[in-house]
């Protein structure tokens, strides 16, 4: 089987292996093709690998695209469709609806990493705020229980005669 062709340059891409995951990189534009599940597999091993792949995939200084082409899947040749990574992020990738591969232009893996890192920071802050709120609720419940018990014992002291001993 021949090497897949870059969706932008139409030249053969080079296979590169990271933690056992083989990705295809265009030597001209430094775009990266990720087959279905490869992005997830890489992030599960180490999210920082996205930055490493991005840093190693350098575009050819001579590369200068002279025309915009309809991007096609390097695996099944159907047109790729743009979509927003994580639905609402500013990162736009191109995906294949048939084989579910992803085309990542030069610089976009860094944007994916930064978006994930930003979301984790927000989620961490939300978890901290939730923990503080839960602690405040539990603390308030303990105060209310202590006040209720104090009232109960106060009421009982008024109604029950004091113990006078044997006699």
Foldseek 3Di string as FASTA:
>chain_A
DAAFAFQWPRDGWDWDDDPNATWTARQAQRKIKHFPPRQVVVVVVPLCVLVVSLVVRDHDPPHDRPDGDQGADSPPGDGWDWADVVRPDPQIWTADPPRGMIIGGRPRSVVVSVVVVVVVVVVVVVVVVVVVVVVVVVVVVVVVVVVVVVVVVVVVPVVDDDDDDDD
